[in-house]
Amino acid sequence: MQTFTGSKEYVASEDLLRSVNIAMALEKPLLIKGEPGTGKTMLAEAVRDALGKELIIWNIKSTTKAQDGLYVYDTVQRLYDSQFGTDGVEEIAKYIKLGKLGEAFSREEQVILLIDEIDKADLEFPNDLLWELDKMEFYIPETKETVQAKKRPIVIITSNAEKDLPDAFLRRCIFHYIAFPDKEMMKEIVNAHYEALENTLLEASLQAFYELRDLHTIVKKPTTSELLDWIQALHIGGIPAEEIEKELPFAGVLLKKTEDLGALAYRNTQEKRKSFW
């Protein structure tokens, strides 16, 4: 059996690696929670790259229904074809289109199925998938056909913890919470993306980043992905480490709310007054 040991561009803790491998060994969905920007979605991409498997992504929205992931029966197209005398209208199977879950089941080789941000959907959404994720099959009444997984997919489910998930659903998953990286792990993450980064720039940017996250007045704290974008902006702009310590260049890359930029401006004003006196 294949095991996941991480990848060059994805820094994972030992606990996370163990959770991935346990989920694969037990053939259970892996539920990943954590605040935005902690690498939940990128985990599925890293597993894909490491194991050399196809990745099928089911992006969940507030309007998504469980049925969408199974199949869709295009009755409108069938009606349209019948009005214009198109051949094969009686073949209902022509108008059945598999959803992302159906696609994963139909593949000849094992794939990775990412159900991304499951907590965005209706509260009943996870419960509506219990049978399909447990038995790896579903029934299409229009064609009287059962779609069964040819190879059980590796299922990774992400949640931003915006709402609680049903207990019955949680019992069927292996759970892992990705904590926000501490400074040392963040160094590894940044170095994995920017190998030639000057150490002084890295240290100064990390210091400023964590100080910003510690401000209680910041509503939307900057995430790992925003830190990576900010460091790239600092590097492209040729900003020296000393300037980062004095102010926060390109603050709009890190902070995305007007009130947070205002809170930063207020803090900088207060610090300047302190240094003046």
C-alpha atoms as a PDB file:
ATOM      1  CA  MET A   1       0.000   0.000   0.000  1.00  0.00           C
ATOM      2  CA  GLN A   2       1.225   3.486  -0.874  1.00  0.00           C
ATOM      3  CA  THR A   3       1.959   5.915   1.941  1.00  0.00           C
ATOM      4  CA  PHE A   4       2.111   9.696   1.982  1.00  0.00           C
ATOM      5  CA  THR A   5       5.366  11.178   3.255  1.00  0.00           C
ATOM      6  CA  GLY A   6       4.811  14.775   2.218  1.00  0.00           C
ATOM      7  CA  SER A   7       6.098  16.627  -0.804  1.00  0.00           C
ATOM      8  CA  LYS A   8       8.756  19.174  -1.639  1.00  0.00           C
ATOM      9  CA  GLU A   9       6.325  22.103  -1.674  1.00  0.00           C
ATOM     10  CA  TYR A  10       3.988  20.988   1.116  1.00  0.00           C
ATOM     11  CA  VAL A  11       5.295  20.997   4.682  1.00  0.00           C
ATOM     12  CA  ALA A  12       3.191  18.665   6.843  1.00  0.00           C
ATOM     13  CA  SER A  13       3.457  17.779  10.516  1.00  0.00           C
ATOM     14  CA  GLU A  14       4.025  14.171  11.564  1.00  0.00           C
ATOM     15  CA  ASP A  15       0.502  14.049  13.000  1.00  0.00           C
ATOM     16  CA  LEU A  16      -0.992  15.126   9.677  1.00  0.00           C
ATOM     17  CA  LEU A  17       1.059  12.548   7.749  1.00  0.00           C
ATOM     18  CA  ARG A  18      -0.144   9.844  10.125  1.00  0.00           C
ATOM     19  CA  SER A  19      -3.773  10.942   9.732  1.00  0.00           C
ATOM     20  CA  VAL A  20      -3.546  10.776   5.932  1.00  0.00           C
ATOM     21  CA  ASN A  21      -2.024   7.302   5.996  1.00  0.00           C
ATOM     22  CA  ILE A  22      -4.444   5.976   8.616  1.00  0.00           C
ATOM     23  CA  ALA A  23      -7.399   7.217   6.538  1.00  0.00           C
ATOM     24  CA  MET A  24      -6.011   5.484   3.448  1.00  0.00           C
ATOM     25  CA  ALA A  25      -5.335   2.253   5.359  1.00  0.00           C
ATOM     26  CA  LEU A  26      -8.808   2.168   6.922  1.00  0.00           C
ATOM     27  CA  GLU A  27     -10.443   3.337   3.670  1.00  0.00           C
ATOM     28  CA  LYS A  28     -12.286   6.132   5.433  1.00  0.00           C
ATOM     29  CA  PRO A  29     -12.779   9.785   4.445  1.00  0.00           C
ATOM     30  CA  LEU A  30     -10.230  12.175   5.955  1.00  0.00           C
ATOM     31  CA  LEU A  31     -11.913  15.274   7.388  1.00  0.00           C
ATOM     32  CA  ILE A  32      -9.535  18.230   7.622  1.00  0.00           C
ATOM     33  CA  LYS A  33     -10.495  21.306   9.631  1.00  0.00           C
ATOM     34  CA  GLY A  34      -8.610  24.527  10.217  1.00  0.00           C
ATOM     35  CA  GLU A  35      -8.829  28.239   9.629  1.00  0.00           C
ATOM     36  CA  PRO A  36      -8.573  29.490   6.015  1.00  0.00           C
ATOM     37  CA  GLY A  37      -5.055  29.513   4.609  1.00  0.00           C
ATOM     38  CA  THR A  38      -3.650  26.579   6.598  1.00  0.00           C
ATOM     39  CA  GLY A  39      -3.201  24.396   3.525  1.00  0.00           C
ATOM     40  CA  LYS A  40      -6.284  22.162   3.681  1.00  0.00           C
ATOM     41  CA  THR A  41      -6.974  22.224  -0.053  1.00  0.00           C
ATOM     42  CA  MET A  42      -3.282  22.048  -0.917  1.00  0.00           C
ATOM     43  CA  LEU A  43      -3.044  18.804   1.061  1.00  0.00           C
ATOM     44  CA  ALA A  44      -5.117  17.000  -1.574  1.00  0.00           C
ATOM     45  CA  GLU A  45      -2.855  18.395  -4.298  1.00  0.00           C
ATOM     46  CA  ALA A  46       0.230  17.259  -2.381  1.00  0.00           C
ATOM     47  CA  VAL A  47      -1.192  13.731  -1.964  1.00  0.00           C
ATOM     48  CA  ARG A  48      -1.962  13.691  -5.695  1.00  0.00           C
ATOM     49  CA  ASP A  49       1.591  14.668  -6.602  1.00  0.00           C
ATOM     50  CA  ALA A  50       3.174  12.256  -4.130  1.00  0.00           C
ATOM     51  CA  LEU A  51       1.072   9.230  -5.094  1.00  0.00           C
ATOM     52  CA  GLY A  52       0.756  10.031  -8.800  1.00  0.00           C
ATOM     53  CA  LYS A  53      -3.043   9.824  -8.855  1.00  0.00           C
ATOM     54  CA  GLU A  54      -5.767  11.870 -10.527  1.00  0.00           C
ATOM     55  CA  LEU A  55      -7.433  14.515  -8.351  1.00  0.00           C
ATOM     56  CA  ILE A  56     -11.162  15.199  -8.734  1.00  0.00           C
ATOM     57  CA  ILE A  57     -12.344  18.341  -6.938  1.00  0.00           C
ATOM     58  CA  TRP A  58     -15.920  18.916  -5.815  1.00  0.00           C
ATOM     59  CA  ASN A  59     -16.147  22.570  -4.764  1.00  0.00           C
ATOM     60  CA  ILE A  60     -19.072  22.995  -2.364  1.00  0.00           C
ATOM     61  CA  LYS A  61     -21.244  26.119  -2.382  1.00  0.00           C
ATOM     62  CA  SER A  62     -24.184  27.214  -0.249  1.00  0.00           C
ATOM     63  CA  THR A  63     -26.568  25.975  -2.965  1.00  0.00           C
ATOM     64  CA  THR A  64     -24.887  22.596  -3.506  1.00  0.00           C
ATOM     65  CA  LYS A  65     -26.989  19.487  -2.937  1.00  0.00           C
ATOM     66  CA  ALA A  66     -25.708  15.959  -2.393  1.00  0.00           C
ATOM     67  CA  GLN A  67     -27.507  14.872  -5.556  1.00  0.00           C
ATOM     68  CA  ASP A  68     -25.241  17.211  -7.575  1.00  0.00           C
ATOM     69  CA  GLY A  69     -22.259  15.026  -6.762  1.00  0.00           C
ATOM     70  CA  LEU A  70     -23.982  11.809  -7.836  1.00  0.00           C
ATOM     71  CA  TYR A  71     -25.650  12.507 -11.170  1.00  0.00           C
ATOM     72  CA  VAL A  72     -27.929  14.921 -13.005  1.00  0.00           C
ATOM     73  CA  TYR A  73     -30.810  13.866 -15.259  1.00  0.00           C
ATOM     74  CA  ASP A  74     -31.135  16.466 -18.025  1.00  0.00           C
ATOM     75  CA  THR A  75     -34.889  16.348 -18.576  1.00  0.00           C
ATOM     76  CA  VAL A  76     -34.885  19.714 -20.359  1.00  0.00           C
ATOM     77  CA  GLN A  77     -32.491  18.498 -23.063  1.00  0.00           C
ATOM     78  CA  ARG A  78     -34.492  15.289 -23.500  1.00  0.00           C
ATOM     79  CA  LEU A  79     -37.708  17.266 -23.926  1.00  0.00           C
ATOM     80  CA  TYR A  80     -35.989  19.562 -26.414  1.00  0.00           C
ATOM     81  CA  ASP A  81     -34.691  16.584 -28.422  1.00  0.00           C
ATOM     82  CA  SER A  82     -38.100  14.921 -28.451  1.00  0.00           C
ATOM     83  CA  GLN A  83     -39.712  18.075 -29.875  1.00  0.00           C
ATOM     84  CA  PHE A  84     -37.236  18.154 -32.750  1.00  0.00           C
ATOM     85  CA  GLY A  85     -37.314  14.440 -33.484  1.00  0.00           C
ATOM     86  CA  THR A  86     -33.749  13.698 -32.412  1.00  0.00           C
ATOM     87  CA  ASP A  87     -32.854  10.016 -32.541  1.00  0.00           C
ATOM     88  CA  GLY A  88     -32.279   8.082 -29.318  1.00  0.00           C
ATOM     89  CA  VAL A  89     -34.604  10.116 -27.093  1.00  0.00           C
ATOM     90  CA  GLU A  90     -35.852   6.883 -25.538  1.00  0.00           C
ATOM     91  CA  GLU A  91     -32.321   6.145 -24.287  1.00  0.00           C
ATOM     92  CA  ILE A  92     -32.463   7.842 -20.892  1.00  0.00           C
ATOM     93  CA  ALA A  93     -28.826   7.000 -20.184  1.00  0.00           C
ATOM     94  CA  LYS A  94     -27.825   9.595 -22.787  1.00  0.00           C
ATOM     95  CA  TYR A  95     -29.233  12.297 -20.520  1.00  0.00           C
ATOM     96  CA  ILE A  96     -27.581  11.130 -17.315  1.00  0.00           C
ATOM     97  CA  LYS A  97     -24.435  13.088 -16.428  1.00  0.00           C
ATOM     98  CA  LEU A  98     -22.319  11.914 -13.524  1.00  0.00           C
ATOM     99  CA  GLY A  99     -21.319  14.392 -10.813  1.00  0.00           C
ATOM    100  CA  LYS A 100     -17.896  14.536  -9.157  1.00  0.00           C
ATOM    101  CA  LEU A 101     -18.620  11.610  -6.838  1.00  0.00           C
ATOM    102  CA  GLY A 102     -19.955   9.597  -9.769  1.00  0.00           C
ATOM    103  CA  GLU A 103     -16.836  10.421 -11.790  1.00  0.00           C
ATOM    104  CA  ALA A 104     -14.602   9.197  -8.966  1.00  0.00           C
ATOM    105  CA  PHE A 105     -16.564   5.943  -8.748  1.00  0.00           C
ATOM    106  CA  SER A 106     -16.386   5.336 -12.502  1.00  0.00           C
ATOM    107  CA  ARG A 107     -12.609   5.646 -12.853  1.00  0.00           C
ATOM    108  CA  GLU A 108     -10.728   2.419 -13.633  1.00  0.00           C
ATOM    109  CA  GLU A 109      -7.830   3.498 -11.394  1.00  0.00           C
ATOM    110  CA  GLN A 110      -7.994   4.829  -7.846  1.00  0.00           C
ATOM    111  CA  VAL A 111      -8.363   8.601  -7.691  1.00  0.00           C
ATOM    112  CA  ILE A 112      -8.343  11.244  -4.970  1.00  0.00           C
ATOM    113  CA  LEU A 113     -11.679  12.958  -4.383  1.00  0.00           C
ATOM    114  CA  LEU A 114     -11.539  16.349  -2.661  1.00  0.00           C
ATOM    115  CA  ILE A 115     -14.849  17.565  -1.223  1.00  0.00           C
ATOM    116  CA  ASP A 116     -13.812  21.142  -0.554  1.00  0.00           C
ATOM    117  CA  GLU A 117     -15.415  23.314   2.154  1.00  0.00           C
ATOM    118  CA  ILE A 118     -18.261  20.966   3.050  1.00  0.00           C
ATOM    119  CA  ASP A 119     -19.458  23.329   5.796  1.00  0.00           C
ATOM    120  CA  LYS A 120     -20.643  25.831   3.170  1.00  0.00           C
ATOM    121  CA  ALA A 121     -23.545  23.569   2.234  1.00  0.00           C
ATOM    122  CA  ASP A 122     -26.877  22.986   3.964  1.00  0.00           C
ATOM    123  CA  LEU A 123     -26.779  21.185   7.326  1.00  0.00           C
ATOM    124  CA  GLU A 124     -28.362  18.069   5.777  1.00  0.00           C
ATOM    125  CA  PHE A 125     -25.736  17.828   3.029  1.00  0.00           C
ATOM    126  CA  PRO A 126     -23.259  15.601   4.951  1.00  0.00           C
ATOM    127  CA  ASN A 127     -26.054  13.275   6.119  1.00  0.00           C
ATOM    128  CA  ASP A 128     -27.292  12.902   2.550  1.00  0.00           C
ATOM    129  CA  LEU A 129     -23.909  11.431   1.575  1.00  0.00           C
ATOM    130  CA  LEU A 130     -23.600   8.878   4.393  1.00  0.00           C
ATOM    131  CA  TRP A 131     -24.599   5.837   2.313  1.00  0.00           C
ATOM    132  CA  GLU A 132     -22.576   6.845  -0.755  1.00  0.00           C
ATOM    133  CA  LEU A 133     -19.363   7.483   1.195  1.00  0.00           C
ATOM    134  CA  ASP A 134     -19.833   4.388   3.343  1.00  0.00           C
ATOM    135  CA  LYS A 135     -20.867   1.864   0.680  1.00  0.00           C
ATOM    136  CA  MET A 136     -19.194   3.624  -2.259  1.00  0.00           C
ATOM    137  CA  GLU A 137     -22.237   3.228  -4.483  1.00  0.00           C
ATOM    138  CA  PHE A 138     -25.506   4.932  -5.445  1.00  0.00           C
ATOM    139  CA  TYR A 139     -28.621   4.026  -7.411  1.00  0.00           C
ATOM    140  CA  ILE A 140     -29.986   5.808 -10.510  1.00  0.00           C
ATOM    141  CA  PRO A 141     -33.748   5.094 -10.592  1.00  0.00           C
ATOM    142  CA  GLU A 142     -34.199   6.531 -14.104  1.00  0.00           C
ATOM    143  CA  THR A 143     -31.970   3.818 -15.580  1.00  0.00           C
ATOM    144  CA  LYS A 144     -32.349   1.250 -12.772  1.00  0.00           C
ATOM    145  CA  GLU A 145     -28.559   1.190 -12.545  1.00  0.00           C
ATOM    146  CA  THR A 146     -26.282   1.034  -9.507  1.00  0.00           C
ATOM    147  CA  VAL A 147     -23.046   2.980  -9.855  1.00  0.00           C
ATOM    148  CA  GLN A 148     -20.410   1.302  -7.716  1.00  0.00           C
ATOM    149  CA  ALA A 149     -16.820   2.415  -7.235  1.00  0.00           C
ATOM    150  CA  LYS A 150     -14.474   0.349  -9.405  1.00  0.00           C
ATOM    151  CA  LYS A 151     -11.620   1.448  -7.151  1.00  0.00           C
ATOM    152  CA  ARG A 152     -12.438   3.005  -3.775  1.00  0.00           C
ATOM    153  CA  PRO A 153     -11.250   6.641  -4.008  1.00  0.00           C
ATOM    154  CA  ILE A 154      -9.138   8.371  -1.388  1.00  0.00           C
ATOM    155  CA  VAL A 155     -11.603  10.929   0.001  1.00  0.00           C
ATOM    156  CA  ILE A 156     -10.357  14.167   1.553  1.00  0.00           C
ATOM    157  CA  ILE A 157     -12.956  16.554   2.972  1.00  0.00           C
ATOM    158  CA  THR A 158     -12.149  20.091   4.113  1.00  0.00           C
ATOM    159  CA  SER A 159     -14.048  22.358   6.478  1.00  0.00           C
ATOM    160  CA  ASN A 160     -13.398  25.882   7.712  1.00  0.00           C
ATOM    161  CA  ALA A 161     -15.398  25.029  10.859  1.00  0.00           C
ATOM    162  CA  GLU A 162     -18.057  27.612   9.969  1.00  0.00           C
ATOM    163  CA  LYS A 163     -20.738  25.233  11.262  1.00  0.00           C
ATOM    164  CA  ASP A 164     -20.883  21.943  13.153  1.00  0.00           C
ATOM    165  CA  LEU A 165     -21.142  18.739  11.133  1.00  0.00           C
ATOM    166  CA  PRO A 166     -23.577  15.924  12.082  1.00  0.00           C
ATOM    167  CA  ASP A 167     -22.321  13.285  14.538  1.00  0.00           C
ATOM    168  CA  ALA A 168     -23.303  10.447  12.204  1.00  0.00           C
ATOM    169  CA  PHE A 169     -21.075  11.949   9.524  1.00  0.00           C
ATOM    170  CA  LEU A 170     -18.171  12.574  11.911  1.00  0.00           C
ATOM    171  CA  ARG A 171     -18.220   8.939  13.077  1.00  0.00           C
ATOM    172  CA  ARG A 172     -17.428   7.806   9.554  1.00  0.00           C
ATOM    173  CA  CYS A 173     -14.395  10.073   9.148  1.00  0.00           C
ATOM    174  CA  ILE A 174     -10.803  10.220  10.322  1.00  0.00           C
ATOM    175  CA  PHE A 175     -10.460  13.729  11.756  1.00  0.00           C
ATOM    176  CA  HIS A 176      -7.469  16.067  11.807  1.00  0.00           C
ATOM    177  CA  TYR A 177      -7.276  19.729  12.775  1.00  0.00           C
ATOM    178  CA  ILE A 178      -4.506  21.731  11.119  1.00  0.00           C
ATOM    179  CA  ALA A 179      -3.342  24.286  13.672  1.00  0.00           C
ATOM    180  CA  PHE A 180      -1.942  27.548  12.380  1.00  0.00           C
ATOM    181  CA  PRO A 181       1.825  27.074  11.865  1.00  0.00           C
ATOM    182  CA  ASP A 182       4.183  28.424  14.496  1.00  0.00           C
ATOM    183  CA  LYS A 183       7.122  30.559  13.426  1.00  0.00           C
ATOM    184  CA  GLU A 184       9.541  27.649  12.908  1.00  0.00           C
ATOM    185  CA  MET A 185       7.158  25.651  10.754  1.00  0.00           C
ATOM    186  CA  MET A 186       6.259  28.781   8.831  1.00  0.00           C
ATOM    187  CA  LYS A 187       9.939  29.205   7.989  1.00  0.00           C
ATOM    188  CA  GLU A 188       9.919  25.728   6.461  1.00  0.00           C
ATOM    189  CA  ILE A 189       6.774  26.542   4.476  1.00  0.00           C
ATOM    190  CA  VAL A 190       8.214  29.797   3.125  1.00  0.00           C
ATOM    191  CA  ASN A 191      11.555  28.168   2.264  1.00  0.00           C
ATOM    192  CA  ALA A 192       9.704  25.408   0.410  1.00  0.00           C
ATOM    193  CA  HIS A 193       8.264  28.090  -1.884  1.00  0.00           C
ATOM    194  CA  TYR A 194      11.176  30.559  -2.019  1.00  0.00           C
ATOM    195  CA  GLU A 195      14.503  28.751  -1.711  1.00  0.00           C
ATOM    196  CA  ALA A 196      16.720  31.744  -2.460  1.00  0.00           C
ATOM    197  CA  LEU A 197      15.077  34.145  -0.006  1.00  0.00           C
ATOM    198  CA  GLU A 198      17.451  36.250   2.083  1.00  0.00           C
ATOM    199  CA  ASN A 199      17.342  35.273   5.754  1.00  0.00           C
ATOM    200  CA  THR A 200      17.119  38.877   6.964  1.00  0.00           C
ATOM    201  CA  LEU A 201      14.049  39.498   4.789  1.00  0.00           C
ATOM    202  CA  LEU A 202      12.490  36.230   5.975  1.00  0.00           C
ATOM    203  CA  GLU A 203      13.056  37.016   9.663  1.00  0.00           C
ATOM    204  CA  ALA A 204      11.764  40.574   9.393  1.00  0.00           C
ATOM    205  CA  SER A 205       8.661  39.597   7.436  1.00  0.00           C
ATOM    206  CA  LEU A 206       7.806  36.747   9.821  1.00  0.00           C
ATOM    207  CA  GLN A 207       8.266  39.019  12.839  1.00  0.00           C
ATOM    208  CA  ALA A 208       5.933  41.626  11.358  1.00  0.00           C
ATOM    209  CA  PHE A 209       3.435  38.958  10.234  1.00  0.00           C
ATOM    210  CA  TYR A 210       3.038  37.353  13.661  1.00  0.00           C
ATOM    211  CA  GLU A 211       2.897  40.713  15.421  1.00  0.00           C
ATOM    212  CA  LEU A 212       0.071  41.652  13.068  1.00  0.00           C
ATOM    213  CA  ARG A 213      -1.797  38.404  13.779  1.00  0.00           C
ATOM    214  CA  ASP A 214      -1.439  39.059  17.516  1.00  0.00           C
ATOM    215  CA  LEU A 215      -3.228  42.418  17.299  1.00  0.00           C
ATOM    216  CA  HIS A 216      -6.651  41.953  18.917  1.00  0.00           C
ATOM    217  CA  THR A 217      -8.040  44.763  16.757  1.00  0.00           C
ATOM    218  CA  ILE A 218      -7.493  42.805  13.519  1.00  0.00           C
ATOM    219  CA  VAL A 219     -10.765  41.213  12.385  1.00  0.00           C
ATOM    220  CA  LYS A 220      -9.499  39.037   9.501  1.00  0.00           C
ATOM    221  CA  LYS A 221      -6.078  37.782  10.432  1.00  0.00           C
ATOM    222  CA  PRO A 222      -3.686  37.242   7.500  1.00  0.00           C
ATOM    223  CA  THR A 223      -3.138  33.621   6.487  1.00  0.00           C
ATOM    224  CA  THR A 224      -0.232  31.577   5.155  1.00  0.00           C
ATOM    225  CA  SER A 225      -1.194  32.154   1.535  1.00  0.00           C
ATOM    226  CA  GLU A 226      -1.296  35.921   2.127  1.00  0.00           C
ATOM    227  CA  LEU A 227       2.100  35.791   3.818  1.00  0.00           C
ATOM    228  CA  LEU A 228       3.576  34.032   0.779  1.00  0.00           C
ATOM    229  CA  ASP A 229       2.088  36.670  -1.538  1.00  0.00           C
ATOM    230  CA  TRP A 230       3.396  39.449   0.713  1.00  0.00           C
ATOM    231  CA  ILE A 231       6.936  38.073   0.813  1.00  0.00           C
ATOM    232  CA  GLN A 232       6.911  37.808  -2.967  1.00  0.00           C
ATOM    233  CA  ALA A 233       5.735  41.426  -3.201  1.00  0.00           C
ATOM    234  CA  LEU A 234       8.508  42.534  -0.813  1.00  0.00           C
ATOM    235  CA  HIS A 235      11.084  40.646  -2.869  1.00  0.00           C
ATOM    236  CA  ILE A 236       9.853  42.042  -6.203  1.00  0.00           C
ATOM    237  CA  GLY A 237       9.668  45.556  -4.749  1.00  0.00           C
ATOM    238  CA  GLY A 238      13.209  45.311  -3.402  1.00  0.00           C
ATOM    239  CA  ILE A 239      12.065  46.266   0.102  1.00  0.00           C
ATOM    240  CA  PRO A 240      14.924  45.984   2.641  1.00  0.00           C
ATOM    241  CA  ALA A 241      14.392  44.289   6.003  1.00  0.00           C
ATOM    242  CA  GLU A 242      14.953  47.577   7.841  1.00  0.00           C
ATOM    243  CA  GLU A 243      11.949  49.169   6.141  1.00  0.00           C
ATOM    244  CA  ILE A 244       9.683  46.277   7.174  1.00  0.00           C
ATOM    245  CA  GLU A 245      10.657  46.902  10.795  1.00  0.00           C
ATOM    246  CA  LYS A 246       9.712  50.589  10.530  1.00  0.00           C
ATOM    247  CA  GLU A 247       6.385  50.178   8.734  1.00  0.00           C
ATOM    248  CA  LEU A 248       4.388  47.572   6.818  1.00  0.00           C
ATOM    249  CA  PRO A 249       4.911  47.954   3.042  1.00  0.00           C
ATOM    250  CA  PHE A 250       2.148  46.610   0.770  1.00  0.00           C
ATOM    251  CA  ALA A 251      -0.171  46.140   3.764  1.00  0.00           C
ATOM    252  CA  GLY A 252      -3.071  45.556   1.377  1.00  0.00           C
ATOM    253  CA  VAL A 253      -1.581  42.184   0.442  1.00  0.00           C
ATOM    254  CA  LEU A 254      -1.961  41.005   4.039  1.00  0.00           C
ATOM    255  CA  LEU A 255      -5.055  42.869   5.191  1.00  0.00           C
ATOM    256  CA  LYS A 256      -8.268  42.713   3.166  1.00  0.00           C
ATOM    257  CA  LYS A 257     -10.670  44.725   5.318  1.00  0.00           C
ATOM    258  CA  THR A 258     -10.857  48.514   5.559  1.00  0.00           C
ATOM    259  CA  GLU A 259     -11.218  48.392   9.341  1.00  0.00           C
ATOM    260  CA  ASP A 260      -8.071  46.258   9.634  1.00  0.00           C
ATOM    261  CA  LEU A 261      -6.046  48.733   7.573  1.00  0.00           C
ATOM    262  CA  GLY A 262      -7.429  51.474   9.831  1.00  0.00           C
ATOM    263  CA  ALA A 263      -6.407  49.517  12.947  1.00  0.00           C
ATOM    264  CA  LEU A 264      -2.887  49.120  11.542  1.00  0.00           C
ATOM    265  CA  ALA A 265      -2.655  52.835  10.740  1.00  0.00           C
ATOM    266  CA  TYR A 266      -3.797  53.669  14.288  1.00  0.00           C
ATOM    267  CA  ARG A 267      -1.190  51.341  15.791  1.00  0.00           C
ATOM    268  CA  ASN A 268       1.578  52.863  13.672  1.00  0.00           C
ATOM    269  CA  THR A 269       0.512  56.376  14.746  1.00  0.00           C
ATOM    270  CA  GLN A 270       0.598  55.373  18.409  1.00  0.00           C
ATOM    271  CA  GLU A 271       4.059  53.820  18.075  1.00  0.00           C
ATOM    272  CA  LYS A 272       5.402  56.925  16.354  1.00  0.00           C
ATOM    273  CA  ARG A 273       4.099  59.075  19.229  1.00  0.00           C
ATOM    274  CA  LYS A 274       5.771  56.789  21.769  1.00  0.00           C
ATOM    275  CA  SER A 275       9.103  56.938  19.955  1.00  0.00           C
ATOM    276  CA  PHE A 276       8.828  60.755  19.681  1.00  0.00           C
ATOM    277  CA  TRP A 277       8.308  61.218  23.411  1.00  0.00           C
END
